Amino acid sequence: GSMLDDKDNSVKIQALNTLKAFSG
């Protein structure tokens, strides 16, 4: 979740995908 504060949008996008995977 801390990666959502990254300056790079690609990192934010991958962090969102990872959180979705864990939400399962």
PDB file of all heavy atoms in Angstrom:
ATOM      1  N   GLY A   1       0.806  -1.219   0.000  1.00  0.00           N
ATOM      2  CA  GLY A   1       0.000   0.000   0.000  1.00  0.00           C
ATOM      3  C   GLY A   1       0.838   1.267   0.000  1.00  0.00           C
ATOM      4  O   GLY A   1       0.428   2.296  -0.555  1.00  0.00           O
ATOM      5  N   SER A   2       2.011   1.208   0.612  1.00  0.00           N
ATOM      6  CA  SER A   2       2.877   2.388   0.642  1.00  0.00           C
ATOM      7  C   SER A   2       3.369   2.763  -0.750  1.00  0.00           C
ATOM      8  O   SER A   2       3.757   3.915  -0.993  1.00  0.00           O
ATOM      9  CB  SER A   2       4.070   2.135   1.571  1.00  0.00           C
ATOM     10  OG  SER A   2       4.921   1.126   1.042  1.00  0.00           O
ATOM     11  N   MET A   3       3.343   1.804  -1.677  1.00  0.00           N
ATOM     12  CA  MET A   3       3.762   2.089  -3.050  1.00  0.00           C
ATOM     13  C   MET A   3       2.771   2.989  -3.783  1.00  0.00           C
ATOM     14  O   MET A   3       3.084   3.510  -4.853  1.00  0.00           O
ATOM     15  CB  MET A   3       3.932   0.778  -3.824  1.00  0.00           C
ATOM     16  CG  MET A   3       5.019  -0.146  -3.310  1.00  0.00           C
ATOM     17  SD  MET A   3       6.694   0.507  -3.504  1.00  0.00           S
ATOM     18  CE  MET A   3       7.109   0.853  -1.781  1.00  0.00           C
ATOM     19  N   LEU A   4       1.576   3.173  -3.213  1.00  0.00           N
ATOM     20  CA  LEU A   4       0.602   4.079  -3.836  1.00  0.00           C
ATOM     21  C   LEU A   4       1.060   5.529  -3.756  1.00  0.00           C
ATOM     22  O   LEU A   4       0.524   6.387  -4.465  1.00  0.00           O
ATOM     23  CB  LEU A   4      -0.767   3.934  -3.155  1.00  0.00           C
ATOM     24  CG  LEU A   4      -1.454   2.573  -3.291  1.00  0.00           C
ATOM     25  CD1 LEU A   4      -2.757   2.560  -2.509  1.00  0.00           C
ATOM     26  CD2 LEU A   4      -1.709   2.222  -4.755  1.00  0.00           C
ATOM     27  N   ASP A   5       2.033   5.798  -2.888  1.00  0.00           N
ATOM     28  CA  ASP A   5       2.576   7.152  -2.755  1.00  0.00           C
ATOM     29  C   ASP A   5       3.782   7.382  -3.657  1.00  0.00           C
ATOM     30  O   ASP A   5       4.391   8.456  -3.616  1.00  0.00           O
ATOM     31  CB  ASP A   5       2.977   7.419  -1.300  1.00  0.00           C
ATOM     32  CG  ASP A   5       1.776   7.439  -0.363  1.00  0.00           C
ATOM     33  OD1 ASP A   5       0.746   8.030  -0.742  1.00  0.00           O
ATOM     34  OD2 ASP A   5       1.866   6.855   0.731  1.00  0.00           O
ATOM     35  N   ASP A   6       4.130   6.385  -4.452  1.00  0.00           N
ATOM     36  CA  ASP A   6       5.279   6.521  -5.345  1.00  0.00           C
ATOM     37  C   ASP A   6       5.032   7.620  -6.366  1.00  0.00           C
ATOM     38  O   ASP A   6       3.891   7.875  -6.776  1.00  0.00           O
ATOM     39  CB  ASP A   6       5.540   5.193  -6.047  1.00  0.00           C
ATOM     40  CG  ASP A   6       6.924   5.131  -6.661  1.00  0.00           C
ATOM     41  OD1 ASP A   6       7.096   5.656  -7.789  1.00  0.00           O
ATOM     42  OD2 ASP A   6       7.830   4.580  -6.015  1.00  0.00           O
ATOM     43  N   LYS A   7       6.108   8.257  -6.789  1.00  0.00           N
ATOM     44  CA  LYS A   7       5.978   9.340  -7.769  1.00  0.00           C
ATOM     45  C   LYS A   7       5.662   8.825  -9.167  1.00  0.00           C
ATOM     46  O   LYS A   7       5.081   9.563  -9.979  1.00  0.00           O
ATOM     47  CB  LYS A   7       7.291  10.152  -7.810  1.00  0.00           C
ATOM     48  CG  LYS A   7       7.607  10.906  -6.532  1.00  0.00           C
ATOM     49  CD  LYS A   7       8.892  11.703  -6.668  1.00  0.00           C
ATOM     50  CE  LYS A   7      10.099  10.786  -6.857  1.00  0.00           C
ATOM     51  NZ  LYS A   7      11.376  11.551  -6.913  1.00  0.00           N
ATOM     52  N   ASP A   8       6.021   7.601  -9.445  1.00  0.00           N
ATOM     53  CA  ASP A   8       5.830   7.041 -10.785  1.00  0.00           C
ATOM     54  C   ASP A   8       4.454   6.379 -10.905  1.00  0.00           C
ATOM     55  O   ASP A   8       4.077   5.546 -10.080  1.00  0.00           O
ATOM     56  CB  ASP A   8       6.920   6.012 -11.079  1.00  0.00           C
ATOM     57  CG  ASP A   8       6.922   5.572 -12.527  1.00  0.00           C
ATOM     58  OD1 ASP A   8       7.476   6.291 -13.357  1.00  0.00           O
ATOM     59  OD2 ASP A   8       6.355   4.503 -12.803  1.00  0.00           O
ATOM     60  N   ASN A   9       3.716   6.736 -11.943  1.00  0.00           N
ATOM     61  CA  ASN A   9       2.367   6.185 -12.113  1.00  0.00           C
ATOM     62  C   ASN A   9       2.372   4.684 -12.367  1.00  0.00           C
ATOM     63  O   ASN A   9       1.454   3.965 -11.951  1.00  0.00           O
ATOM     64  CB  ASN A   9       1.653   6.882 -13.280  1.00  0.00           C
ATOM     65  CG  ASN A   9       1.078   8.227 -12.880  1.00  0.00           C
ATOM     66  OD1 ASN A   9       1.067   8.579 -11.704  1.00  0.00           O
ATOM     67  ND2 ASN A   9       0.622   8.990 -13.849  1.00  0.00           N
ATOM     68  N   SER A  10       3.402   4.170 -13.062  1.00  0.00           N
ATOM     69  CA  SER A  10       3.446   2.739 -13.334  1.00  0.00           C
ATOM     70  C   SER A  10       3.587   1.948 -12.037  1.00  0.00           C
ATOM     71  O   SER A  10       3.028   0.850 -11.908  1.00  0.00           O
ATOM     72  CB  SER A  10       4.598   2.411 -14.284  1.00  0.00           C
ATOM     73  OG  SER A  10       5.852   2.717 -13.685  1.00  0.00           O
ATOM     74  N   VAL A  11       4.308   2.483 -11.073  1.00  0.00           N
ATOM     75  CA  VAL A  11       4.431   1.827  -9.770  1.00  0.00           C
ATOM     76  C   VAL A  11       3.084   1.840  -9.053  1.00  0.00           C
ATOM     77  O   VAL A  11       2.666   0.839  -8.457  1.00  0.00           O
ATOM     78  CB  VAL A  11       5.515   2.505  -8.914  1.00  0.00           C
ATOM     79  CG1 VAL A  11       5.581   1.876  -7.520  1.00  0.00           C
ATOM     80  CG2 VAL A  11       6.878   2.398  -9.592  1.00  0.00           C
ATOM     81  N   LYS A  12       2.393   2.962  -9.111  1.00  0.00           N
ATOM     82  CA  LYS A  12       1.054   3.048  -8.502  1.00  0.00           C
ATOM     83  C   LYS A  12       0.109   2.009  -9.112  1.00  0.00           C
ATOM     84  O   LYS A  12      -0.638   1.330  -8.391  1.00  0.00           O
ATOM     85  CB  LYS A  12       0.465   4.451  -8.715  1.00  0.00           C
ATOM     86  CG  LYS A  12       1.161   5.588  -7.982  1.00  0.00           C
ATOM     87  CD  LYS A  12       0.366   6.867  -8.174  1.00  0.00           C
ATOM     88  CE  LYS A  12       0.961   8.039  -7.417  1.00  0.00           C
ATOM     89  NZ  LYS A  12       2.155   8.583  -8.100  1.00  0.00           N
ATOM     90  N   ILE A  13       0.144   1.891 -10.426  1.00  0.00           N
ATOM     91  CA  ILE A  13      -0.753   0.952 -11.116  1.00  0.00           C
ATOM     92  C   ILE A  13      -0.459  -0.481 -10.689  1.00  0.00           C
ATOM     93  O   ILE A  13      -1.386  -1.257 -10.380  1.00  0.00           O
ATOM     94  CB  ILE A  13      -0.608   1.105 -12.642  1.00  0.00           C
ATOM     95  CG1 ILE A  13      -1.152   2.464 -13.085  1.00  0.00           C
ATOM     96  CG2 ILE A  13      -1.340  -0.018 -13.377  1.00  0.00           C
ATOM     97  CD1 ILE A  13      -0.827   2.814 -14.527  1.00  0.00           C
ATOM     98  N   GLN A  14       0.815  -0.841 -10.635  1.00  0.00           N
ATOM     99  CA  GLN A  14       1.167  -2.205 -10.228  1.00  0.00           C
ATOM    100  C   GLN A  14       0.811  -2.456  -8.764  1.00  0.00           C
ATOM    101  O   GLN A  14       0.402  -3.568  -8.399  1.00  0.00           O
ATOM    102  CB  GLN A  14       2.663  -2.456 -10.462  1.00  0.00           C
ATOM    103  CG  GLN A  14       3.083  -2.440 -11.923  1.00  0.00           C
ATOM    104  CD  GLN A  14       2.330  -3.465 -12.751  1.00  0.00           C
ATOM    105  OE1 GLN A  14       1.924  -4.520 -12.270  1.00  0.00           O
ATOM    106  NE2 GLN A  14       2.146  -3.154 -14.033  1.00  0.00           N
ATOM    107  N   ALA A  15       0.949  -1.434  -7.928  1.00  0.00           N
ATOM    108  CA  ALA A  15       0.564  -1.578  -6.516  1.00  0.00           C
ATOM    109  C   ALA A  15      -0.944  -1.810  -6.388  1.00  0.00           C
ATOM    110  O   ALA A  15      -1.395  -2.617  -5.562  1.00  0.00           O
ATOM    111  CB  ALA A  15       0.982  -0.339  -5.726  1.00  0.00           C
ATOM    112  N   LEU A  16      -1.729  -1.117  -7.202  1.00  0.00           N
ATOM    113  CA  LEU A  16      -3.183  -1.324  -7.194  1.00  0.00           C
ATOM    114  C   LEU A  16      -3.532  -2.746  -7.624  1.00  0.00           C
ATOM    115  O   LEU A  16      -4.411  -3.383  -7.027  1.00  0.00           O
ATOM    116  CB  LEU A  16      -3.852  -0.312  -8.131  1.00  0.00           C
ATOM    117  CG  LEU A  16      -3.845   1.154  -7.674  1.00  0.00           C
ATOM    118  CD1 LEU A  16      -4.245   2.077  -8.814  1.00  0.00           C
ATOM    119  CD2 LEU A  16      -4.772   1.350  -6.483  1.00  0.00           C
ATOM    120  N   ASN A  17      -2.836  -3.247  -8.639  1.00  0.00           N
ATOM    121  CA  ASN A  17      -3.077  -4.623  -9.082  1.00  0.00           C
ATOM    122  C   ASN A  17      -2.701  -5.636  -8.003  1.00  0.00           C
ATOM    123  O   ASN A  17      -3.389  -6.647  -7.814  1.00  0.00           O
ATOM    124  CB  ASN A  17      -2.278  -4.905 -10.359  1.00  0.00           C
ATOM    125  CG  ASN A  17      -2.786  -4.130 -11.557  1.00  0.00           C
ATOM    126  OD1 ASN A  17      -3.954  -3.757 -11.620  1.00  0.00           O
ATOM    127  ND2 ASN A  17      -1.914  -3.865 -12.514  1.00  0.00           N
ATOM    128  N   THR A  18      -1.617  -5.357  -7.288  1.00  0.00           N
ATOM    129  CA  THR A  18      -1.197  -6.263  -6.221  1.00  0.00           C
ATOM    130  C   THR A  18      -2.197  -6.257  -5.072  1.00  0.00           C
ATOM    131  O   THR A  18      -2.530  -7.313  -4.512  1.00  0.00           O
ATOM    132  CB  THR A  18       0.198  -5.871  -5.702  1.00  0.00           C
ATOM    133  OG1 THR A  18       1.121  -5.835  -6.798  1.00  0.00           O
ATOM    134  CG2 THR A  18       0.698  -6.874  -4.671  1.00  0.00           C
ATOM    135  N   LEU A  19      -2.692  -5.087  -4.708  1.00  0.00           N
ATOM    136  CA  LEU A  19      -3.698  -5.005  -3.645  1.00  0.00           C
ATOM    137  C   LEU A  19      -4.971  -5.740  -4.044  1.00  0.00           C
ATOM    138  O   LEU A  19      -5.605  -6.391  -3.207  1.00  0.00           O
ATOM    139  CB  LEU A  19      -4.007  -3.540  -3.325  1.00  0.00           C
ATOM    140  CG  LEU A  19      -2.915  -2.766  -2.585  1.00  0.00           C
ATOM    141  CD1 LEU A  19      -3.300  -1.289  -2.466  1.00  0.00           C
ATOM    142  CD2 LEU A  19      -2.692  -3.357  -1.184  1.00  0.00           C
ATOM    143  N   LYS A  20      -5.340  -5.643  -5.308  1.00  0.00           N
ATOM    144  CA  LYS A  20      -6.521  -6.387  -5.771  1.00  0.00           C
ATOM    145  C   LYS A  20      -6.298  -7.887  -5.632  1.00  0.00           C
ATOM    146  O   LYS A  20      -7.203  -8.630  -5.243  1.00  0.00           O
ATOM    147  CB  LYS A  20      -6.844  -6.039  -7.212  1.00  0.00           C
ATOM    148  CG  LYS A  20      -8.075  -6.777  -7.747  1.00  0.00           C
ATOM    149  CD  LYS A  20      -8.355  -6.427  -9.186  1.00  0.00           C
ATOM    150  CE  LYS A  20      -9.591  -7.180  -9.687  1.00  0.00           C
ATOM    151  NZ  LYS A  20      -9.379  -8.634  -9.717  1.00  0.00           N
ATOM    152  N   ALA A  21      -5.089  -8.340  -5.945  1.00  0.00           N
ATOM    153  CA  ALA A  21      -4.784  -9.767  -5.800  1.00  0.00           C
ATOM    154  C   ALA A  21      -4.901 -10.202  -4.341  1.00  0.00           C
ATOM    155  O   ALA A  21      -5.495 -11.234  -4.028  1.00  0.00           O
ATOM    156  CB  ALA A  21      -3.376 -10.054  -6.332  1.00  0.00           C
ATOM    157  N   PHE A  22      -4.370  -9.397  -3.426  1.00  0.00           N
ATOM    158  CA  PHE A  22      -4.456  -9.724  -1.998  1.00  0.00           C
ATOM    159  C   PHE A  22      -5.893  -9.620  -1.476  1.00  0.00           C
ATOM    160  O   PHE A  22      -6.255 -10.308  -0.517  1.00  0.00           O
ATOM    161  CB  PHE A  22      -3.550  -8.799  -1.184  1.00  0.00           C
ATOM    162  CG  PHE A  22      -2.125  -9.275  -1.080  1.00  0.00           C
ATOM    163  CD1 PHE A  22      -1.090  -8.547  -1.651  1.00  0.00           C
ATOM    164  CD2 PHE A  22      -1.821 -10.453  -0.404  1.00  0.00           C
ATOM    165  CE1 PHE A  22       0.220  -8.980  -1.555  1.00  0.00           C
ATOM    166  CE2 PHE A  22      -0.508 -10.898  -0.309  1.00  0.00           C
ATOM    167  CZ  PHE A  22       0.520 -10.159  -0.882  1.00  0.00           C
ATOM    168  N   SER A  23      -6.708  -8.777  -2.097  1.00  0.00           N
ATOM    169  CA  SER A  23      -8.095  -8.629  -1.629  1.00  0.00           C
ATOM    170  C   SER A  23      -8.911  -9.893  -1.852  1.00  0.00           C
ATOM    171  O   SER A  23      -9.991 -10.053  -1.276  1.00  0.00           O
ATOM    172  CB  SER A  23      -8.769  -7.446  -2.333  1.00  0.00           C
ATOM    173  OG  SER A  23      -8.993  -7.728  -3.710  1.00  0.00           O
ATOM    174  N   GLY A  24      -8.416 -10.790  -2.687  1.00  0.00           N
ATOM    175  CA  GLY A  24      -9.100 -12.061  -2.896  1.00  0.00           C
ATOM    176  C   GLY A  24      -8.904 -13.044  -1.761  1.00  0.00           C
ATOM    177  O   GLY A  24      -9.544 -14.097  -1.720  1.00  0.00           O
TER     178      GLY A  24
END
